[in-house]
Amino acid sequence: MSEQSKKRGGRRDGAGPKFKYNEPTVTMRIPQSRVEYLKAWLHSQSPDLRNDSSNNIKIQTITINPKALEIPLMLDYVAAGFPAPVAEAIDRGIDFNKELIRNRASTFVVTVNSLSMLNIGIDIGDKLVVDRSIEPKQGHVVLAVINTEFTVKTLMIEGIGDKKIIWLRAENPDFASIFPMDGDDFLVWGVVTNVLKDMLKK
């Protein structure tokens, strides 16, 4: 075999996959229910991610006009992208007071000031209807307080009993998810029920 042929084989310096942490890795077996949690936790350790928790948040109470203001409601569902006949399409009126508010005393409006939930359609300037009377559950978008700072995230609840893990998932890979630890002052302040978006400002 020629010297040139010998040089073609073997491992070359710098070859192979590049690891995110620039260090050797190990193989581990973990419970399937913890896979998403661990992936999100590792992702959140990147120094390039942004943390949008803030105590500078505007929370507004709901003011209801006692006189109902009904907006015409289309009879049929509308398919985006395809025109539909308009004739006979108006069914009845809809009162947004009743549509958006389940419990007046516990309902507030919060203005979004972050892009951390952009991938599920929540943008800066959107207004979120938040109801404090709803029991928060897995997958709800919530307004949470951690160590006196507010944040809007998707509530993740994994496991049961003493093995339950609660964390807050960002819906934008540029932002870190939040993992409350023992000793943190953590509270789910309310559940987001609706998103109000001003399309004329886009």
N, C-alpha and C. Protein backbone atom coordinates (compact mmCIF):
# COMPACT_ATOMS: atom_id res chain seq x y z
N MET A 1 0.86 -1.19 0.00
CA MET A 1 0.00 0.00 0.00
C MET A 1 0.89 1.24 0.00
N SER A 2 0.57 2.20 -0.81
CA SER A 2 1.40 3.40 -0.93
C SER A 2 1.21 4.29 0.29
N GLU A 3 2.17 5.20 0.49
CA GLU A 3 2.07 6.14 1.59
C GLU A 3 0.85 7.03 1.44
N GLN A 4 0.49 7.38 0.17
CA GLN A 4 -0.66 8.24 -0.07
C GLN A 4 -1.95 7.55 0.35
N SER A 5 -2.05 6.21 0.09
CA SER A 5 -3.25 5.46 0.46
C SER A 5 -3.40 5.39 1.96
N LYS A 6 -2.26 5.21 2.68
CA LYS A 6 -2.31 5.12 4.13
C LYS A 6 -2.86 6.40 4.76
N LYS A 7 -2.59 7.55 4.14
CA LYS A 7 -3.00 8.83 4.70
C LYS A 7 -4.51 9.05 4.57
N ARG A 8 -5.16 8.26 3.68
CA ARG A 8 -6.59 8.47 3.47
C ARG A 8 -7.43 7.87 4.60
N GLY A 9 -6.92 6.91 5.33
CA GLY A 9 -7.68 6.26 6.39
C GLY A 9 -7.42 6.89 7.74
N GLY A 10 -8.16 6.39 8.77
CA GLY A 10 -7.92 6.86 10.13
C GLY A 10 -8.67 8.14 10.46
N ARG A 11 -8.68 8.48 11.71
CA ARG A 11 -9.40 9.66 12.19
C ARG A 11 -8.53 10.89 12.05
N ARG A 12 -9.13 11.95 11.56
CA ARG A 12 -8.41 13.20 11.39
C ARG A 12 -8.76 14.15 12.52
N ASP A 13 -7.81 14.99 12.92
CA ASP A 13 -8.06 15.97 13.96
C ASP A 13 -9.19 16.90 13.55
N GLY A 14 -10.14 17.11 14.45
CA GLY A 14 -11.24 18.03 14.16
C GLY A 14 -12.40 17.39 13.44
N ALA A 15 -12.26 16.09 13.07
CA ALA A 15 -13.34 15.42 12.35
C ALA A 15 -14.42 14.98 13.32
N GLY A 16 -15.57 14.61 12.77
CA GLY A 16 -16.67 14.12 13.60
C GLY A 16 -17.62 15.24 13.99
N PRO A 17 -18.68 14.90 14.71
CA PRO A 17 -19.69 15.89 15.06
C PRO A 17 -19.16 16.93 16.04
N LYS A 18 -19.67 18.14 15.90
CA LYS A 18 -19.30 19.22 16.81
C LYS A 18 -20.34 19.30 17.92
N PHE A 19 -19.92 19.21 19.18
CA PHE A 19 -20.84 19.20 20.29
C PHE A 19 -21.12 20.61 20.76
N LYS A 20 -22.37 20.86 21.18
CA LYS A 20 -22.80 22.20 21.59
C LYS A 20 -21.98 22.73 22.76
N TYR A 21 -21.61 21.86 23.69
CA TYR A 21 -20.91 22.30 24.89
C TYR A 21 -19.40 22.13 24.80
N ASN A 22 -18.91 21.71 23.63
CA ASN A 22 -17.46 21.57 23.42
C ASN A 22 -16.81 20.69 24.48
N GLU A 23 -17.46 19.59 24.80
CA GLU A 23 -16.90 18.64 25.75
C GLU A 23 -17.47 17.26 25.45
N PRO A 24 -16.83 16.21 25.95
CA PRO A 24 -17.34 14.85 25.68
C PRO A 24 -18.76 14.68 26.20
N THR A 25 -19.51 13.78 25.57
CA THR A 25 -20.88 13.50 25.98
C THR A 25 -20.99 12.06 26.47
N VAL A 26 -22.07 11.79 27.21
CA VAL A 26 -22.34 10.44 27.69
C VAL A 26 -23.76 10.06 27.31
N THR A 27 -24.01 8.76 27.22
CA THR A 27 -25.34 8.26 26.93
C THR A 27 -26.06 7.94 28.23
N MET A 28 -27.31 8.42 28.34
CA MET A 28 -28.10 8.19 29.55
C MET A 28 -29.47 7.65 29.17
N ARG A 29 -30.05 6.87 30.06
CA ARG A 29 -31.43 6.42 29.89
C ARG A 29 -32.29 7.20 30.88
N ILE A 30 -33.29 7.91 30.35
CA ILE A 30 -34.15 8.73 31.20
C ILE A 30 -35.61 8.37 30.95
N PRO A 31 -36.49 8.62 31.91
CA PRO A 31 -37.91 8.34 31.70
C PRO A 31 -38.45 9.13 30.52
N GLN A 32 -39.28 8.51 29.73
CA GLN A 32 -39.83 9.17 28.55
C GLN A 32 -40.58 10.45 28.92
N SER A 33 -41.22 10.45 30.08
CA SER A 33 -42.00 11.62 30.50
C SER A 33 -41.12 12.83 30.82
N ARG A 34 -39.82 12.63 30.95
CA ARG A 34 -38.92 13.73 31.30
C ARG A 34 -38.12 14.24 30.10
N VAL A 35 -38.32 13.66 28.93
CA VAL A 35 -37.51 14.02 27.77
C VAL A 35 -37.70 15.49 27.41
N GLU A 36 -38.95 15.95 27.27
CA GLU A 36 -39.19 17.34 26.88
C GLU A 36 -38.65 18.30 27.93
N TYR A 37 -38.85 17.96 29.20
CA TYR A 37 -38.35 18.81 30.28
C TYR A 37 -36.84 18.98 30.20
N LEU A 38 -36.11 17.86 30.04
CA LEU A 38 -34.65 17.93 30.01
C LEU A 38 -34.14 18.65 28.77
N LYS A 39 -34.79 18.42 27.63
CA LYS A 39 -34.38 19.13 26.42
C LYS A 39 -34.57 20.64 26.60
N ALA A 40 -35.72 21.03 27.15
CA ALA A 40 -35.98 22.45 27.35
C ALA A 40 -35.02 23.05 28.37
N TRP A 41 -34.72 22.29 29.44
CA TRP A 41 -33.79 22.79 30.46
C TRP A 41 -32.40 23.00 29.87
N LEU A 42 -31.91 22.04 29.11
CA LEU A 42 -30.60 22.19 28.48
C LEU A 42 -30.59 23.37 27.52
N HIS A 43 -31.68 23.52 26.75
CA HIS A 43 -31.76 24.64 25.81
C HIS A 43 -31.73 25.97 26.56
N SER A 44 -32.37 26.02 27.72
CA SER A 44 -32.46 27.27 28.48
C SER A 44 -31.12 27.70 29.07
N GLN A 45 -30.13 26.79 29.10
CA GLN A 45 -28.82 27.12 29.67
C GLN A 45 -27.93 27.91 28.71
N SER A 46 -28.37 28.06 27.47
CA SER A 46 -27.57 28.80 26.50
C SER A 46 -27.48 30.27 26.90
N PRO A 47 -26.28 30.85 26.92
CA PRO A 47 -26.14 32.26 27.30
C PRO A 47 -26.72 33.21 26.26
N ASP A 48 -27.04 32.69 25.07
CA ASP A 48 -27.56 33.55 24.01
C ASP A 48 -29.07 33.77 24.13
N LEU A 49 -29.74 33.01 24.98
CA LEU A 49 -31.20 33.13 25.10
C LEU A 49 -31.58 34.34 25.93
N ARG A 50 -32.78 34.85 25.67
CA ARG A 50 -33.28 36.02 26.37
C ARG A 50 -34.28 35.61 27.44
N ASN A 51 -34.24 36.32 28.56
CA ASN A 51 -35.20 36.11 29.65
C ASN A 51 -36.11 37.32 29.71
N ASP A 52 -37.42 37.10 29.55
CA ASP A 52 -38.33 38.24 29.45
C ASP A 52 -39.16 38.48 30.71
N SER A 53 -38.82 37.82 31.82
CA SER A 53 -39.55 38.09 33.07
C SER A 53 -39.36 39.55 33.46
N SER A 54 -40.43 40.19 33.92
CA SER A 54 -40.36 41.62 34.19
C SER A 54 -41.38 42.01 35.25
N ASN A 55 -41.03 43.00 36.07
CA ASN A 55 -42.01 43.57 36.99
C ASN A 55 -42.63 44.83 36.42
N ASN A 56 -42.26 45.15 35.18
CA ASN A 56 -42.82 46.31 34.49
C ASN A 56 -43.92 45.83 33.55
N ILE A 57 -45.08 45.54 34.12
CA ILE A 57 -46.18 44.99 33.35
C ILE A 57 -47.45 45.77 33.67
N LYS A 58 -48.26 45.96 32.65
CA LYS A 58 -49.49 46.73 32.81
C LYS A 58 -50.68 45.79 32.87
N ILE A 59 -51.37 45.77 34.01
CA ILE A 59 -52.55 44.94 34.19
C ILE A 59 -53.76 45.86 34.35
N GLN A 60 -54.76 45.66 33.51
CA GLN A 60 -55.95 46.50 33.53
C GLN A 60 -57.17 45.70 33.96
N THR A 61 -58.05 46.35 34.71
CA THR A 61 -59.31 45.71 35.07
C THR A 61 -60.30 45.83 33.90
N ILE A 62 -61.39 45.08 33.98
CA ILE A 62 -62.41 45.08 32.94
C ILE A 62 -63.52 46.06 33.30
N THR A 63 -63.89 46.92 32.36
CA THR A 63 -65.03 47.80 32.52
C THR A 63 -66.12 47.35 31.57
N ILE A 64 -67.29 47.06 32.10
CA ILE A 64 -68.38 46.54 31.28
C ILE A 64 -69.47 47.60 31.13
N ASN A 65 -69.85 47.85 29.90
CA ASN A 65 -70.98 48.74 29.61
C ASN A 65 -72.26 47.96 29.86
N PRO A 66 -73.12 48.44 30.76
CA PRO A 66 -74.34 47.68 31.05
C PRO A 66 -75.26 47.51 29.85
N LYS A 67 -75.10 48.36 28.85
CA LYS A 67 -75.91 48.24 27.64
C LYS A 67 -75.20 47.31 26.67
N ALA A 68 -75.86 46.22 26.31
CA ALA A 68 -75.26 45.25 25.39
C ALA A 68 -75.03 45.87 24.02
N LEU A 69 -73.87 45.61 23.46
CA LEU A 69 -73.56 46.07 22.11
C LEU A 69 -73.28 44.83 21.26
N GLU A 70 -74.24 44.47 20.45
CA GLU A 70 -74.13 43.23 19.68
C GLU A 70 -73.55 43.50 18.30
N ILE A 71 -72.56 42.68 17.93
CA ILE A 71 -71.93 42.74 16.62
C ILE A 71 -72.50 41.61 15.76
N PRO A 72 -72.81 41.86 14.48
CA PRO A 72 -73.36 40.79 13.64
C PRO A 72 -72.43 39.59 13.58
N LEU A 73 -72.99 38.40 13.69
CA LEU A 73 -72.23 37.15 13.66
C LEU A 73 -72.54 36.40 12.39
N MET A 74 -71.50 35.97 11.67
CA MET A 74 -71.70 35.22 10.44
C MET A 74 -72.31 33.86 10.74
N LEU A 75 -73.22 33.43 9.88
CA LEU A 75 -73.92 32.17 10.08
C LEU A 75 -73.00 30.98 9.94
N ASP A 76 -72.09 31.02 8.94
CA ASP A 76 -71.21 29.90 8.66
C ASP A 76 -69.78 30.24 9.05
N TYR A 77 -68.98 29.18 9.24
CA TYR A 77 -67.55 29.37 9.41
C TYR A 77 -66.96 29.88 8.10
N VAL A 78 -65.93 30.71 8.20
CA VAL A 78 -65.30 31.29 7.01
C VAL A 78 -63.98 30.59 6.76
N ALA A 79 -63.78 30.11 5.53
CA ALA A 79 -62.52 29.47 5.16
C ALA A 79 -61.56 30.54 4.65
N ALA A 80 -60.43 30.70 5.33
CA ALA A 80 -59.45 31.69 4.90
C ALA A 80 -58.87 31.28 3.56
N GLY A 81 -58.89 32.20 2.60
CA GLY A 81 -58.29 31.92 1.30
C GLY A 81 -59.30 31.67 0.20
N PHE A 82 -60.54 31.31 0.54
CA PHE A 82 -61.55 31.03 -0.47
C PHE A 82 -62.78 31.89 -0.24
N PRO A 83 -63.24 32.63 -1.27
CA PRO A 83 -64.42 33.47 -1.09
C PRO A 83 -65.66 32.63 -0.83
N ALA A 84 -66.56 33.17 -0.02
CA ALA A 84 -67.81 32.48 0.29
C ALA A 84 -68.97 33.43 0.02
N PRO A 85 -70.13 32.92 -0.37
CA PRO A 85 -71.29 33.78 -0.63
C PRO A 85 -71.70 34.54 0.62
N VAL A 86 -72.07 35.83 0.43
CA VAL A 86 -72.40 36.69 1.56
C VAL A 86 -73.88 36.67 1.88
N ALA A 87 -74.71 36.47 0.88
CA ALA A 87 -76.16 36.53 1.07
C ALA A 87 -76.61 35.54 2.14
N GLU A 88 -77.49 35.99 3.00
CA GLU A 88 -78.06 35.17 4.07
C GLU A 88 -76.99 34.66 5.05
N ALA A 89 -75.86 35.38 5.12
CA ALA A 89 -74.76 34.89 5.96
C ALA A 89 -74.85 35.39 7.40
N ILE A 90 -75.60 36.45 7.63
CA ILE A 90 -75.68 37.01 8.97
C ILE A 90 -76.68 36.23 9.81
N ASP A 91 -76.23 35.71 10.93
CA ASP A 91 -77.07 34.86 11.77
C ASP A 91 -77.70 35.66 12.90
N ARG A 92 -76.90 36.18 13.78
CA ARG A 92 -77.40 36.88 14.96
C ARG A 92 -76.30 37.80 15.47
N GLY A 93 -76.57 38.48 16.56
CA GLY A 93 -75.56 39.35 17.14
C GLY A 93 -74.76 38.63 18.21
N ILE A 94 -73.57 39.13 18.47
CA ILE A 94 -72.72 38.56 19.52
C ILE A 94 -72.26 39.69 20.43
N ASP A 95 -72.36 39.49 21.72
CA ASP A 95 -71.95 40.47 22.71
C ASP A 95 -70.58 40.06 23.25
N PHE A 96 -69.56 40.87 22.98
CA PHE A 96 -68.21 40.51 23.40
C PHE A 96 -68.06 40.50 24.92
N ASN A 97 -68.92 41.22 25.63
CA ASN A 97 -68.89 41.13 27.10
C ASN A 97 -69.10 39.69 27.54
N LYS A 98 -70.07 39.02 26.93
CA LYS A 98 -70.37 37.64 27.29
C LYS A 98 -69.38 36.66 26.66
N GLU A 99 -68.88 37.00 25.48
CA GLU A 99 -68.00 36.09 24.76
C GLU A 99 -66.61 36.00 25.39
N LEU A 100 -66.11 37.13 25.90
CA LEU A 100 -64.73 37.18 26.39
C LEU A 100 -64.61 37.08 27.91
N ILE A 101 -65.71 37.33 28.62
CA ILE A 101 -65.62 37.41 30.08
C ILE A 101 -66.45 36.31 30.72
N ARG A 102 -65.77 35.42 31.43
CA ARG A 102 -66.45 34.35 32.15
C ARG A 102 -66.81 34.77 33.57
N ASN A 103 -65.90 35.52 34.18
CA ASN A 103 -66.08 35.95 35.56
C ASN A 103 -65.52 37.37 35.67
N ARG A 104 -66.42 38.33 35.73
CA ARG A 104 -65.99 39.73 35.67
C ARG A 104 -65.01 40.09 36.79
N ALA A 105 -65.31 39.66 38.02
CA ALA A 105 -64.49 40.07 39.16
C ALA A 105 -63.07 39.54 39.09
N SER A 106 -62.86 38.47 38.34
CA SER A 106 -61.52 37.85 38.30
C SER A 106 -60.85 38.01 36.94
N THR A 107 -61.40 38.87 36.08
CA THR A 107 -60.87 39.01 34.72
C THR A 107 -60.10 40.32 34.57
N PHE A 108 -58.92 40.21 33.96
CA PHE A 108 -58.05 41.36 33.74
C PHE A 108 -57.49 41.30 32.32
N VAL A 109 -56.94 42.42 31.87
CA VAL A 109 -56.31 42.48 30.55
C VAL A 109 -54.85 42.87 30.73
N VAL A 110 -53.97 42.13 30.07
CA VAL A 110 -52.52 42.37 30.14
C VAL A 110 -52.00 42.65 28.74
N THR A 111 -51.17 43.67 28.61
CA THR A 111 -50.55 44.00 27.32
C THR A 111 -49.21 43.30 27.20
N VAL A 112 -49.00 42.60 26.09
CA VAL A 112 -47.78 41.81 25.87
C VAL A 112 -46.62 42.73 25.50
N ASN A 113 -45.45 42.50 26.11
CA ASN A 113 -44.26 43.30 25.78
C ASN A 113 -43.06 42.43 25.44
N SER A 114 -43.32 41.21 24.97
CA SER A 114 -42.24 40.27 24.67
C SER A 114 -42.61 39.40 23.47
N LEU A 115 -41.58 38.82 22.85
CA LEU A 115 -41.79 37.91 21.72
C LEU A 115 -41.64 36.44 22.13
N SER A 116 -41.65 36.15 23.42
CA SER A 116 -41.36 34.79 23.85
C SER A 116 -42.46 33.79 23.50
N MET A 117 -43.66 34.28 23.13
CA MET A 117 -44.76 33.38 22.77
C MET A 117 -45.16 33.54 21.31
N LEU A 118 -44.25 34.05 20.51
CA LEU A 118 -44.55 34.39 19.12
C LEU A 118 -45.00 33.18 18.30
N ASN A 119 -44.45 32.02 18.56
CA ASN A 119 -44.75 30.85 17.73
C ASN A 119 -46.16 30.31 17.92
N ILE A 120 -46.90 30.81 18.91
CA ILE A 120 -48.31 30.46 19.01
C ILE A 120 -49.18 31.70 18.77
N GLY A 121 -48.59 32.70 18.11
CA GLY A 121 -49.37 33.84 17.64
C GLY A 121 -49.52 35.00 18.60
N ILE A 122 -48.77 35.02 19.71
CA ILE A 122 -48.86 36.12 20.67
C ILE A 122 -47.68 37.07 20.43
N ASP A 123 -47.99 38.31 20.06
CA ASP A 123 -46.97 39.27 19.63
C ASP A 123 -46.96 40.47 20.58
N ILE A 124 -45.92 41.29 20.45
CA ILE A 124 -45.83 42.51 21.24
C ILE A 124 -47.01 43.43 20.90
N GLY A 125 -47.63 43.98 21.92
CA GLY A 125 -48.78 44.86 21.73
C GLY A 125 -50.12 44.16 21.82
N ASP A 126 -50.13 42.83 21.69
CA ASP A 126 -51.39 42.09 21.85
C ASP A 126 -51.89 42.23 23.29
N LYS A 127 -53.19 42.16 23.44
CA LYS A 127 -53.78 42.22 24.78
C LYS A 127 -54.34 40.84 25.13
N LEU A 128 -53.99 40.37 26.30
CA LEU A 128 -54.42 39.05 26.75
C LEU A 128 -55.52 39.19 27.80
N VAL A 129 -56.60 38.45 27.61
CA VAL A 129 -57.65 38.38 28.62
C VAL A 129 -57.26 37.28 29.60
N VAL A 130 -57.10 37.65 30.86
CA VAL A 130 -56.62 36.72 31.89
C VAL A 130 -57.69 36.53 32.96
N ASP A 131 -58.02 35.27 33.24
CA ASP A 131 -59.03 34.95 34.24
C ASP A 131 -58.37 34.24 35.42
N ARG A 132 -58.47 34.83 36.60
CA ARG A 132 -57.83 34.28 37.80
C ARG A 132 -58.66 33.18 38.46
N SER A 133 -59.91 33.00 38.02
CA SER A 133 -60.77 32.01 38.66
C SER A 133 -60.65 30.63 38.04
N ILE A 134 -59.95 30.52 36.91
CA ILE A 134 -59.81 29.24 36.22
C ILE A 134 -58.64 28.45 36.81
N GLU A 135 -58.86 27.19 37.08
CA GLU A 135 -57.78 26.34 37.59
C GLU A 135 -56.76 26.08 36.48
N PRO A 136 -55.51 26.46 36.69
CA PRO A 136 -54.49 26.25 35.64
C PRO A 136 -54.20 24.77 35.44
N LYS A 137 -54.12 24.38 34.17
CA LYS A 137 -53.85 22.98 33.84
C LYS A 137 -52.73 22.89 32.81
N GLN A 138 -52.22 21.68 32.64
CA GLN A 138 -51.18 21.39 31.66
C GLN A 138 -51.57 21.94 30.29
N GLY A 139 -50.67 22.72 29.68
CA GLY A 139 -50.90 23.25 28.35
C GLY A 139 -51.58 24.60 28.29
N HIS A 140 -52.10 25.09 29.42
CA HIS A 140 -52.69 26.42 29.45
C HIS A 140 -51.60 27.48 29.27
N VAL A 141 -51.93 28.55 28.55
CA VAL A 141 -51.07 29.72 28.54
C VAL A 141 -51.43 30.52 29.79
N VAL A 142 -50.42 30.87 30.58
CA VAL A 142 -50.69 31.50 31.87
C VAL A 142 -49.85 32.77 32.05
N LEU A 143 -50.35 33.63 32.93
CA LEU A 143 -49.56 34.74 33.45
C LEU A 143 -49.04 34.29 34.80
N ALA A 144 -47.74 34.17 34.93
CA ALA A 144 -47.14 33.65 36.16
C ALA A 144 -46.26 34.71 36.81
N VAL A 145 -46.04 34.54 38.10
CA VAL A 145 -45.14 35.41 38.85
C VAL A 145 -44.06 34.54 39.45
N ILE A 146 -42.81 34.89 39.18
CA ILE A 146 -41.69 34.17 39.78
C ILE A 146 -40.71 35.20 40.34
N ASN A 147 -40.56 35.15 41.66
CA ASN A 147 -39.67 36.08 42.37
C ASN A 147 -40.01 37.53 42.04
N THR A 148 -41.29 37.87 42.14
CA THR A 148 -41.87 39.21 41.96
C THR A 148 -41.89 39.69 40.52
N GLU A 149 -41.53 38.86 39.56
CA GLU A 149 -41.55 39.26 38.16
C GLU A 149 -42.59 38.45 37.39
N PHE A 150 -43.30 39.15 36.48
CA PHE A 150 -44.34 38.52 35.68
C PHE A 150 -43.77 37.94 34.39
N THR A 151 -44.42 36.89 33.91
CA THR A 151 -44.07 36.32 32.61
C THR A 151 -45.27 35.57 32.06
N VAL A 152 -45.41 35.56 30.73
CA VAL A 152 -46.46 34.78 30.06
C VAL A 152 -45.80 33.58 29.40
N LYS A 153 -46.24 32.39 29.76
CA LYS A 153 -45.65 31.17 29.22
C LYS A 153 -46.70 30.07 29.16
N THR A 154 -46.35 28.96 28.52
CA THR A 154 -47.20 27.77 28.53
C THR A 154 -46.88 26.95 29.77
N LEU A 155 -47.91 26.62 30.54
CA LEU A 155 -47.72 25.86 31.78
C LEU A 155 -47.52 24.39 31.45
N MET A 156 -46.43 23.83 31.94
CA MET A 156 -46.12 22.42 31.75
C MET A 156 -46.13 21.72 33.10
N ILE A 157 -46.94 20.67 33.21
CA ILE A 157 -47.04 19.89 34.45
C ILE A 157 -46.77 18.43 34.10
N GLU A 158 -45.69 17.87 34.63
CA GLU A 158 -45.30 16.50 34.31
C GLU A 158 -45.19 15.69 35.59
N GLY A 159 -45.64 14.44 35.52
CA GLY A 159 -45.59 13.57 36.69
C GLY A 159 -46.77 13.81 37.61
N ILE A 160 -46.82 13.05 38.70
CA ILE A 160 -47.90 13.17 39.67
C ILE A 160 -47.32 13.11 41.09
N GLY A 161 -48.10 13.61 42.04
CA GLY A 161 -47.70 13.53 43.44
C GLY A 161 -46.38 14.20 43.73
N ASP A 162 -45.54 13.51 44.51
CA ASP A 162 -44.24 14.05 44.90
C ASP A 162 -43.29 14.17 43.72
N LYS A 163 -43.58 13.47 42.63
CA LYS A 163 -42.69 13.49 41.46
C LYS A 163 -43.14 14.50 40.41
N LYS A 164 -44.12 15.33 40.77
CA LYS A 164 -44.63 16.32 39.82
C LYS A 164 -43.59 17.41 39.57
N ILE A 165 -43.42 17.77 38.31
CA ILE A 165 -42.52 18.85 37.91
C ILE A 165 -43.34 19.91 37.18
N ILE A 166 -43.20 21.16 37.60
CA ILE A 166 -43.91 22.27 36.96
C ILE A 166 -42.88 23.23 36.38
N TRP A 167 -43.06 23.57 35.10
CA TRP A 167 -42.16 24.53 34.48
C TRP A 167 -42.93 25.35 33.46
N LEU A 168 -42.32 26.41 32.96
CA LEU A 168 -42.97 27.34 32.05
C LEU A 168 -42.23 27.34 30.72
N ARG A 169 -42.94 26.95 29.66
CA ARG A 169 -42.30 26.79 28.35
C ARG A 169 -42.47 28.05 27.50
N ALA A 170 -41.35 28.57 27.02
CA ALA A 170 -41.38 29.66 26.05
C ALA A 170 -41.75 29.09 24.68
N GLU A 171 -42.51 29.84 23.90
CA GLU A 171 -42.92 29.39 22.57
C GLU A 171 -42.16 30.16 21.50
N ASN A 172 -40.87 30.32 21.74
CA ASN A 172 -39.96 30.97 20.80
C ASN A 172 -38.56 30.49 21.18
N PRO A 173 -37.84 29.84 20.26
CA PRO A 173 -36.53 29.27 20.61
C PRO A 173 -35.48 30.29 20.99
N ASP A 174 -35.75 31.58 20.76
CA ASP A 174 -34.80 32.62 21.15
C ASP A 174 -34.93 32.99 22.63
N PHE A 175 -35.93 32.45 23.30
CA PHE A 175 -36.17 32.78 24.71
C PHE A 175 -36.05 31.54 25.57
N ALA A 176 -35.61 31.74 26.80
CA ALA A 176 -35.43 30.63 27.73
C ALA A 176 -36.75 30.26 28.39
N SER A 177 -36.97 28.96 28.54
CA SER A 177 -38.07 28.50 29.39
C SER A 177 -37.67 28.73 30.84
N ILE A 178 -38.63 28.64 31.74
CA ILE A 178 -38.38 28.94 33.15
C ILE A 178 -38.66 27.70 33.99
N PHE A 179 -37.73 27.38 34.89
CA PHE A 179 -37.82 26.18 35.71
C PHE A 179 -37.77 26.59 37.18
N PRO A 180 -38.92 26.81 37.82
CA PRO A 180 -38.93 27.21 39.23
C PRO A 180 -38.24 26.17 40.11
N MET A 181 -37.42 26.65 41.01
CA MET A 181 -36.67 25.78 41.91
C MET A 181 -37.16 25.95 43.35
N ASP A 182 -36.77 25.03 44.21
CA ASP A 182 -37.09 25.16 45.63
C ASP A 182 -36.56 26.50 46.14
N GLY A 183 -37.40 27.23 46.83
CA GLY A 183 -37.01 28.53 47.35
C GLY A 183 -37.48 29.68 46.50
N ASP A 184 -37.85 29.42 45.25
CA ASP A 184 -38.39 30.48 44.39
C ASP A 184 -39.81 30.83 44.82
N ASP A 185 -40.15 32.09 44.72
CA ASP A 185 -41.52 32.55 44.97
C ASP A 185 -42.28 32.44 43.66
N PHE A 186 -43.05 31.37 43.49
CA PHE A 186 -43.68 31.06 42.21
C PHE A 186 -45.20 30.98 42.36
N LEU A 187 -45.91 31.63 41.43
CA LEU A 187 -47.37 31.64 41.47
C LEU A 187 -47.92 31.74 40.05
N VAL A 188 -48.90 30.90 39.72
CA VAL A 188 -49.65 31.08 38.48
C VAL A 188 -50.74 32.09 38.78
N TRP A 189 -50.60 33.31 38.26
CA TRP A 189 -51.47 34.43 38.61
C TRP A 189 -52.84 34.29 37.94
N GLY A 190 -52.86 33.78 36.71
CA GLY A 190 -54.12 33.63 36.00
C GLY A 190 -53.92 32.88 34.69
N VAL A 191 -55.04 32.45 34.10
CA VAL A 191 -55.02 31.69 32.85
C VAL A 191 -55.46 32.60 31.71
N VAL A 192 -54.71 32.60 30.62
CA VAL A 192 -55.06 33.39 29.44
C VAL A 192 -56.20 32.70 28.70
N THR A 193 -57.30 33.42 28.48
CA THR A 193 -58.46 32.84 27.80
C THR A 193 -58.60 33.32 26.36
N ASN A 194 -58.15 34.55 26.08
CA ASN A 194 -58.29 35.10 24.73
C ASN A 194 -57.13 36.04 24.43
N VAL A 195 -56.84 36.19 23.14
CA VAL A 195 -55.83 37.13 22.66
C VAL A 195 -56.52 38.17 21.79
N LEU A 196 -56.34 39.45 22.12
CA LEU A 196 -56.90 40.55 21.34
C LEU A 196 -55.78 41.16 20.51
N LYS A 197 -55.93 41.09 19.20
CA LYS A 197 -54.86 41.52 18.29
C LYS A 197 -55.38 42.61 17.36
N ASP A 198 -54.69 43.75 17.34
CA ASP A 198 -55.06 44.86 16.46
C ASP A 198 -54.37 44.66 15.11
N MET A 199 -55.10 44.17 14.12
CA MET A 199 -54.51 43.86 12.83
C MET A 199 -54.16 45.11 12.02
N LEU A 200 -54.73 46.26 12.35
CA LEU A 200 -54.43 47.49 11.61
C LEU A 200 -53.07 48.06 11.97
N LYS A 201 -52.50 47.61 13.09
CA LYS A 201 -51.19 48.10 13.50
C LYS A 201 -50.06 47.29 12.91
N LYS A 202 -50.36 46.17 12.24
CA LYS A 202 -49.32 45.30 11.70
C LYS A 202 -48.77 45.87 10.40
